[in-house]
């Protein structure tokens, strides 16, 4: 899966998406994308995104879609 855009913008978008889908069924591809964005954030060296990585990890944990 190829992820386009900055780690920061992708993390913000994924956080918003996880919140919007909380409590509803999510397609496996969407879940895989959220985890790929999380991995992108963890590997990011060009911009400070640790706070967003932690926030996405927390949202995934709260929604029952645990981090890898």
PDB file of N, CA and C in Angstrom:
ATOM      1  N   UNK A   1       0.846  -1.163   0.000  1.00  0.00           N
ATOM      2  CA  UNK A   1       0.000   0.000   0.000  1.00  0.00           C
ATOM      3  C   UNK A   1       0.897   1.234   0.000  1.00  0.00           C
ATOM      4  N   UNK A   2       0.662   2.116  -0.934  1.00  0.00           N
ATOM      5  CA  UNK A   2       1.435   3.348  -1.021  1.00  0.00           C
ATOM      6  C   UNK A   2       0.650   4.479  -0.361  1.00  0.00           C
ATOM      7  N   UNK A   3       1.323   5.186   0.526  1.00  0.00           N
ATOM      8  CA  UNK A   3       0.687   6.300   1.223  1.00  0.00           C
ATOM      9  C   UNK A   3       1.300   7.584   0.705  1.00  0.00           C
ATOM     10  N   UNK A   4       0.464   8.479   0.251  1.00  0.00           N
ATOM     11  CA  UNK A   4       0.907   9.765  -0.290  1.00  0.00           C
ATOM     12  C   UNK A   4       0.696  10.854   0.764  1.00  0.00           C
ATOM     13  N   UNK A   5       1.471  11.911   0.674  1.00  0.00           N
ATOM     14  CA  UNK A   5       1.296  13.056   1.558  1.00  0.00           C
ATOM     15  C   UNK A   5       2.205  12.988   2.770  1.00  0.00           C
ATOM     16  N   UNK A   6       2.136  14.036   3.563  1.00  0.00           N
ATOM     17  CA  UNK A   6       3.000  14.129   4.738  1.00  0.00           C
ATOM     18  C   UNK A   6       2.472  13.246   5.861  1.00  0.00           C
ATOM     19  N   UNK A   7       3.377  12.827   6.705  1.00  0.00           N
ATOM     20  CA  UNK A   7       2.995  12.010   7.852  1.00  0.00           C
ATOM     21  C   UNK A   7       1.997  12.764   8.715  1.00  0.00           C
ATOM     22  N   UNK A   8       2.257  14.049   8.931  1.00  0.00           N
ATOM     23  CA  UNK A   8       1.379  14.861   9.781  1.00  0.00           C
ATOM     24  C   UNK A   8      -0.046  14.916   9.228  1.00  0.00           C
ATOM     25  N   UNK A   9      -0.195  15.218   7.957  1.00  0.00           N
ATOM     26  CA  UNK A   9      -1.539  15.331   7.387  1.00  0.00           C
ATOM     27  C   UNK A   9      -2.232  13.968   7.365  1.00  0.00           C
ATOM     28  N   UNK A  10      -1.491  12.899   7.102  1.00  0.00           N
ATOM     29  CA  UNK A  10      -2.088  11.569   7.097  1.00  0.00           C
ATOM     30  C   UNK A  10      -2.529  11.146   8.498  1.00  0.00           C
ATOM     31  N   UNK A  11      -1.738  11.462   9.499  1.00  0.00           N
ATOM     32  CA  UNK A  11      -2.110  11.124  10.870  1.00  0.00           C
ATOM     33  C   UNK A  11      -3.362  11.882  11.303  1.00  0.00           C
ATOM     34  N   UNK A  12      -3.420  13.160  11.002  1.00  0.00           N
ATOM     35  CA  UNK A  12      -4.599  13.959  11.360  1.00  0.00           C
ATOM     36  C   UNK A  12      -5.841  13.394  10.684  1.00  0.00           C
ATOM     37  N   UNK A  13      -5.717  13.058   9.421  1.00  0.00           N
ATOM     38  CA  UNK A  13      -6.838  12.494   8.680  1.00  0.00           C
ATOM     39  C   UNK A  13      -7.272  11.142   9.261  1.00  0.00           C
ATOM     40  N   UNK A  14      -6.311  10.297   9.598  1.00  0.00           N
ATOM     41  CA  UNK A  14      -6.633   8.983  10.160  1.00  0.00           C
ATOM     42  C   UNK A  14      -7.298   9.116  11.530  1.00  0.00           C
ATOM     43  N   UNK A  15      -6.818  10.026  12.353  1.00  0.00           N
ATOM     44  CA  UNK A  15      -7.421  10.252  13.671  1.00  0.00           C
ATOM     45  C   UNK A  15      -8.883  10.661  13.509  1.00  0.00           C
ATOM     46  N   UNK A  16      -9.132  11.593  12.597  1.00  0.00           N
ATOM     47  CA  UNK A  16     -10.497  12.048  12.338  1.00  0.00           C
ATOM     48  C   UNK A  16     -11.368  10.898  11.856  1.00  0.00           C
ATOM     49  N   UNK A  17     -10.814  10.083  10.979  1.00  0.00           N
ATOM     50  CA  UNK A  17     -11.558   8.955  10.419  1.00  0.00           C
ATOM     51  C   UNK A  17     -11.878   7.905  11.485  1.00  0.00           C
ATOM     52  N   UNK A  18     -10.902   7.565  12.320  1.00  0.00           N
ATOM     53  CA  UNK A  18     -11.145   6.584  13.383  1.00  0.00           C
ATOM     54  C   UNK A  18     -12.251   7.077  14.300  1.00  0.00           C
ATOM     55  N   UNK A  19     -12.223   8.351  14.647  1.00  0.00           N
ATOM     56  CA  UNK A  19     -13.265   8.914  15.520  1.00  0.00           C
ATOM     57  C   UNK A  19     -14.634   8.843  14.857  1.00  0.00           C
ATOM     58  N   UNK A  20     -14.678   9.142  13.581  1.00  0.00           N
ATOM     59  CA  UNK A  20     -15.950   9.145  12.851  1.00  0.00           C
ATOM     60  C   UNK A  20     -16.544   7.732  12.776  1.00  0.00           C
ATOM     61  N   UNK A  21     -15.679   6.723  12.663  1.00  0.00           N
ATOM     62  CA  UNK A  21     -16.135   5.345  12.512  1.00  0.00           C
ATOM     63  C   UNK A  21     -16.259   4.593  13.836  1.00  0.00           C
ATOM     64  N   UNK A  22     -16.005   5.270  14.943  1.00  0.00           N
ATOM     65  CA  UNK A  22     -16.077   4.600  16.245  1.00  0.00           C
ATOM     66  C   UNK A  22     -17.459   3.971  16.447  1.00  0.00           C
ATOM     67  N   UNK A  23     -17.445   2.719  16.870  1.00  0.00           N
ATOM     68  CA  UNK A  23     -18.691   2.026  17.143  1.00  0.00           C
ATOM     69  C   UNK A  23     -19.338   1.383  15.931  1.00  0.00           C
ATOM     70  N   UNK A  24     -18.727   1.541  14.759  1.00  0.00           N
ATOM     71  CA  UNK A  24     -19.280   0.946  13.537  1.00  0.00           C
ATOM     72  C   UNK A  24     -18.275  -0.017  12.929  1.00  0.00           C
ATOM     73  N   UNK A  25     -18.778  -0.875  12.087  1.00  0.00           N
ATOM     74  CA  UNK A  25     -17.906  -1.830  11.392  1.00  0.00           C
ATOM     75  C   UNK A  25     -17.040  -1.090  10.380  1.00  0.00           C
ATOM     76  N   UNK A  26     -15.791  -1.523  10.284  1.00  0.00           N
ATOM     77  CA  UNK A  26     -14.838  -0.899   9.377  1.00  0.00           C
ATOM     78  C   UNK A  26     -14.250  -1.984   8.475  1.00  0.00           C
ATOM     79  N   UNK A  27     -14.156  -1.682   7.194  1.00  0.00           N
ATOM     80  CA  UNK A  27     -13.584  -2.610   6.229  1.00  0.00           C
ATOM     81  C   UNK A  27     -12.116  -2.870   6.574  1.00  0.00           C
ATOM     82  N   UNK A  28     -11.671  -4.071   6.342  1.00  0.00           N
ATOM     83  CA  UNK A  28     -10.290  -4.451   6.641  1.00  0.00           C
ATOM     84  C   UNK A  28      -9.252  -3.587   5.950  1.00  0.00           C
ATOM     85  N   UNK A  29      -9.550  -3.145   4.721  1.00  0.00           N
ATOM     86  CA  UNK A  29      -8.610  -2.272   4.012  1.00  0.00           C
ATOM     87  C   UNK A  29      -8.454  -0.931   4.712  1.00  0.00           C
ATOM     88  N   UNK A  30      -9.546  -0.438   5.281  1.00  0.00           N
ATOM     89  CA  UNK A  30      -9.486   0.836   6.015  1.00  0.00           C
ATOM     90  C   UNK A  30      -8.631   0.673   7.261  1.00  0.00           C
ATOM     91  N   UNK A  31      -8.843  -0.414   7.974  1.00  0.00           N
ATOM     92  CA  UNK A  31      -8.052  -0.690   9.167  1.00  0.00           C
ATOM     93  C   UNK A  31      -6.568  -0.838   8.813  1.00  0.00           C
ATOM     94  N   UNK A  32      -6.287  -1.524   7.718  1.00  0.00           N
ATOM     95  CA  UNK A  32      -4.899  -1.680   7.265  1.00  0.00           C
ATOM     96  C   UNK A  32      -4.293  -0.320   6.926  1.00  0.00           C
ATOM     97  N   UNK A  33      -5.074   0.557   6.312  1.00  0.00           N
ATOM     98  CA  UNK A  33      -4.588   1.896   5.965  1.00  0.00           C
ATOM     99  C   UNK A  33      -4.253   2.680   7.241  1.00  0.00           C
ATOM    100  N   UNK A  34      -5.140   2.636   8.235  1.00  0.00           N
ATOM    101  CA  UNK A  34      -4.872   3.349   9.491  1.00  0.00           C
ATOM    102  C   UNK A  34      -3.573   2.866  10.124  1.00  0.00           C
ATOM    103  N   UNK A  35      -3.343   1.579  10.104  1.00  0.00           N
ATOM    104  CA  UNK A  35      -2.110   1.039  10.683  1.00  0.00           C
ATOM    105  C   UNK A  35      -0.889   1.406   9.834  1.00  0.00           C
ATOM    106  N   UNK A  36      -1.064   1.487   8.521  1.00  0.00           N
ATOM    107  CA  UNK A  36       0.038   1.911   7.653  1.00  0.00           C
ATOM    108  C   UNK A  36       0.396   3.374   7.922  1.00  0.00           C
ATOM    109  N   UNK A  37      -0.619   4.203   8.142  1.00  0.00           N
ATOM    110  CA  UNK A  37      -0.377   5.614   8.476  1.00  0.00           C
ATOM    111  C   UNK A  37       0.343   5.696   9.823  1.00  0.00           C
ATOM    112  N   UNK A  38      -0.068   4.868  10.756  1.00  0.00           N
ATOM    113  CA  UNK A  38       0.592   4.832  12.058  1.00  0.00           C
ATOM    114  C   UNK A  38       2.069   4.452  11.893  1.00  0.00           C
ATOM    115  N   UNK A  39       2.351   3.459  11.076  1.00  0.00           N
ATOM    116  CA  UNK A  39       3.735   3.074  10.806  1.00  0.00           C
ATOM    117  C   UNK A  39       4.511   4.207  10.137  1.00  0.00           C
ATOM    118  N   UNK A  40       3.863   4.895   9.194  1.00  0.00           N
ATOM    119  CA  UNK A  40       4.504   6.035   8.537  1.00  0.00           C
ATOM    120  C   UNK A  40       4.885   7.090   9.584  1.00  0.00           C
ATOM    121  N   UNK A  41       3.987   7.358  10.501  1.00  0.00           N
ATOM    122  CA  UNK A  41       4.260   8.327  11.558  1.00  0.00           C
ATOM    123  C   UNK A  41       5.396   7.900  12.458  1.00  0.00           C
ATOM    124  N   UNK A  42       5.437   6.622  12.783  1.00  0.00           N
ATOM    125  CA  UNK A  42       6.515   6.101  13.639  1.00  0.00           C
ATOM    126  C   UNK A  42       7.877   6.230  12.965  1.00  0.00           C
ATOM    127  N   UNK A  43       7.902   6.098  11.638  1.00  0.00           N
ATOM    128  CA  UNK A  43       9.167   6.175  10.894  1.00  0.00           C
ATOM    129  C   UNK A  43       9.545   7.609  10.502  1.00  0.00           C
ATOM    130  N   UNK A  44       8.654   8.536  10.685  1.00  0.00           N
ATOM    131  CA  UNK A  44       8.866   9.903  10.232  1.00  0.00           C
ATOM    132  C   UNK A  44      10.036  10.560  10.959  1.00  0.00           C
ATOM    133  N   UNK A  45      10.911  11.178  10.184  1.00  0.00           N
ATOM    134  CA  UNK A  45      12.040  11.895  10.763  1.00  0.00           C
ATOM    135  C   UNK A  45      12.024  13.365  10.375  1.00  0.00           C
ATOM    136  N   UNK A  46      11.213  13.731   9.400  1.00  0.00           N
ATOM    137  CA  UNK A  46      11.233  15.090   8.882  1.00  0.00           C
ATOM    138  C   UNK A  46      10.354  16.070   9.620  1.00  0.00           C
ATOM    139  N   UNK A  47       9.409  15.582  10.404  1.00  0.00           N
ATOM    140  CA  UNK A  47       8.519  16.482  11.125  1.00  0.00           C
ATOM    141  C   UNK A  47       8.142  15.862  12.462  1.00  0.00           C
ATOM    142  N   UNK A  48       7.937  16.688  13.480  1.00  0.00           N
ATOM    143  CA  UNK A  48       7.592  16.156  14.800  1.00  0.00           C
ATOM    144  C   UNK A  48       6.135  15.686  14.830  1.00  0.00           C
ATOM    145  N   UNK A  49       5.944  14.379  14.914  1.00  0.00           N
ATOM    146  CA  UNK A  49       4.586  13.835  14.887  1.00  0.00           C
ATOM    147  C   UNK A  49       4.325  12.849  16.023  1.00  0.00           C
ATOM    148  N   UNK A  50       5.218  12.765  16.995  1.00  0.00           N
ATOM    149  CA  UNK A  50       5.063  11.790  18.079  1.00  0.00           C
ATOM    150  C   UNK A  50       3.732  11.966  18.805  1.00  0.00           C
ATOM    151  N   UNK A  51       3.293  13.212  18.981  1.00  0.00           N
ATOM    152  CA  UNK A  51       2.014  13.444  19.653  1.00  0.00           C
ATOM    153  C   UNK A  51       0.845  12.893  18.840  1.00  0.00           C
ATOM    154  N   UNK A  52       0.921  13.024  17.532  1.00  0.00           N
ATOM    155  CA  UNK A  52      -0.139  12.504  16.671  1.00  0.00           C
ATOM    156  C   UNK A  52      -0.099  10.979  16.598  1.00  0.00           C
ATOM    157  N   UNK A  53       1.090  10.403  16.598  1.00  0.00           N
ATOM    158  CA  UNK A  53       1.226   8.947  16.626  1.00  0.00           C
ATOM    159  C   UNK A  53       0.561   8.410  17.899  1.00  0.00           C
ATOM    160  N   UNK A  54       0.862   9.019  19.025  1.00  0.00           N
ATOM    161  CA  UNK A  54       0.276   8.596  20.308  1.00  0.00           C
ATOM    162  C   UNK A  54      -1.246   8.759  20.285  1.00  0.00           C
ATOM    163  N   UNK A  55      -1.713   9.839  19.694  1.00  0.00           N
ATOM    164  CA  UNK A  55      -3.155  10.080  19.624  1.00  0.00           C
ATOM    165  C   UNK A  55      -3.848   9.021  18.758  1.00  0.00           C
ATOM    166  N   UNK A  56      -3.258   8.697  17.619  1.00  0.00           N
ATOM    167  CA  UNK A  56      -3.845   7.669  16.756  1.00  0.00           C
ATOM    168  C   UNK A  56      -3.802   6.303  17.445  1.00  0.00           C
ATOM    169  N   UNK A  57      -2.698   5.991  18.106  1.00  0.00           N
ATOM    170  CA  UNK A  57      -2.618   4.737  18.856  1.00  0.00           C
ATOM    171  C   UNK A  57      -3.742   4.665  19.891  1.00  0.00           C
ATOM    172  N   UNK A  58      -3.963   5.753  20.592  1.00  0.00           N
ATOM    173  CA  UNK A  58      -5.017   5.800  21.603  1.00  0.00           C
ATOM    174  C   UNK A  58      -6.399   5.639  21.000  1.00  0.00           C
ATOM    175  N   UNK A  59      -6.645   6.314  19.884  1.00  0.00           N
ATOM    176  CA  UNK A  59      -7.952   6.203  19.221  1.00  0.00           C
ATOM    177  C   UNK A  59      -8.205   4.774  18.738  1.00  0.00           C
ATOM    178  N   UNK A  60      -7.184   4.150  18.173  1.00  0.00           N
ATOM    179  CA  UNK A  60      -7.337   2.771  17.710  1.00  0.00           C
ATOM    180  C   UNK A  60      -7.589   1.833  18.889  1.00  0.00           C
ATOM    181  N   UNK A  61      -6.916   2.054  19.990  1.00  0.00           N
ATOM    182  CA  UNK A  61      -7.107   1.217  21.181  1.00  0.00           C
ATOM    183  C   UNK A  61      -8.514   1.406  21.749  1.00  0.00           C
ATOM    184  N   UNK A  62      -8.969   2.659  21.840  1.00  0.00           N
ATOM    185  CA  UNK A  62     -10.308   2.942  22.366  1.00  0.00           C
ATOM    186  C   UNK A  62     -11.408   2.364  21.481  1.00  0.00           C
ATOM    187  N   UNK A  63     -11.144   2.308  20.188  1.00  0.00           N
ATOM    188  CA  UNK A  63     -12.166   1.825  19.266  1.00  0.00           C
ATOM    189  C   UNK A  63     -12.149   0.296  19.157  1.00  0.00           C
ATOM    190  N   UNK A  64     -11.198  -0.340  19.838  1.00  0.00           N
ATOM    191  CA  UNK A  64     -11.095  -1.795  19.759  1.00  0.00           C
ATOM    192  C   UNK A  64     -10.299  -2.266  18.576  1.00  0.00           C
ATOM    193  N   UNK A  65      -9.656  -1.342  17.874  1.00  0.00           N
ATOM    194  CA  UNK A  65      -8.834  -1.677  16.703  1.00  0.00           C
ATOM    195  C   UNK A  65      -7.384  -1.490  17.105  1.00  0.00           C
ATOM    196  N   UNK A  66      -6.891  -2.448  17.867  1.00  0.00           N
ATOM    197  CA  UNK A  66      -5.596  -2.341  18.543  1.00  0.00           C
ATOM    198  C   UNK A  66      -4.443  -2.084  17.580  1.00  0.00           C
ATOM    199  N   UNK A  67      -3.447  -1.430  18.132  1.00  0.00           N
ATOM    200  CA  UNK A  67      -2.248  -1.144  17.351  1.00  0.00           C
ATOM    201  C   UNK A  67      -1.434  -2.414  17.207  1.00  0.00           C
ATOM    202  N   UNK A  68      -0.605  -2.428  16.193  1.00  0.00           N
ATOM    203  CA  UNK A  68       0.211  -3.607  15.900  1.00  0.00           C
ATOM    204  C   UNK A  68       1.524  -3.529  16.641  1.00  0.00           C
TER     205      UNK A  68
END
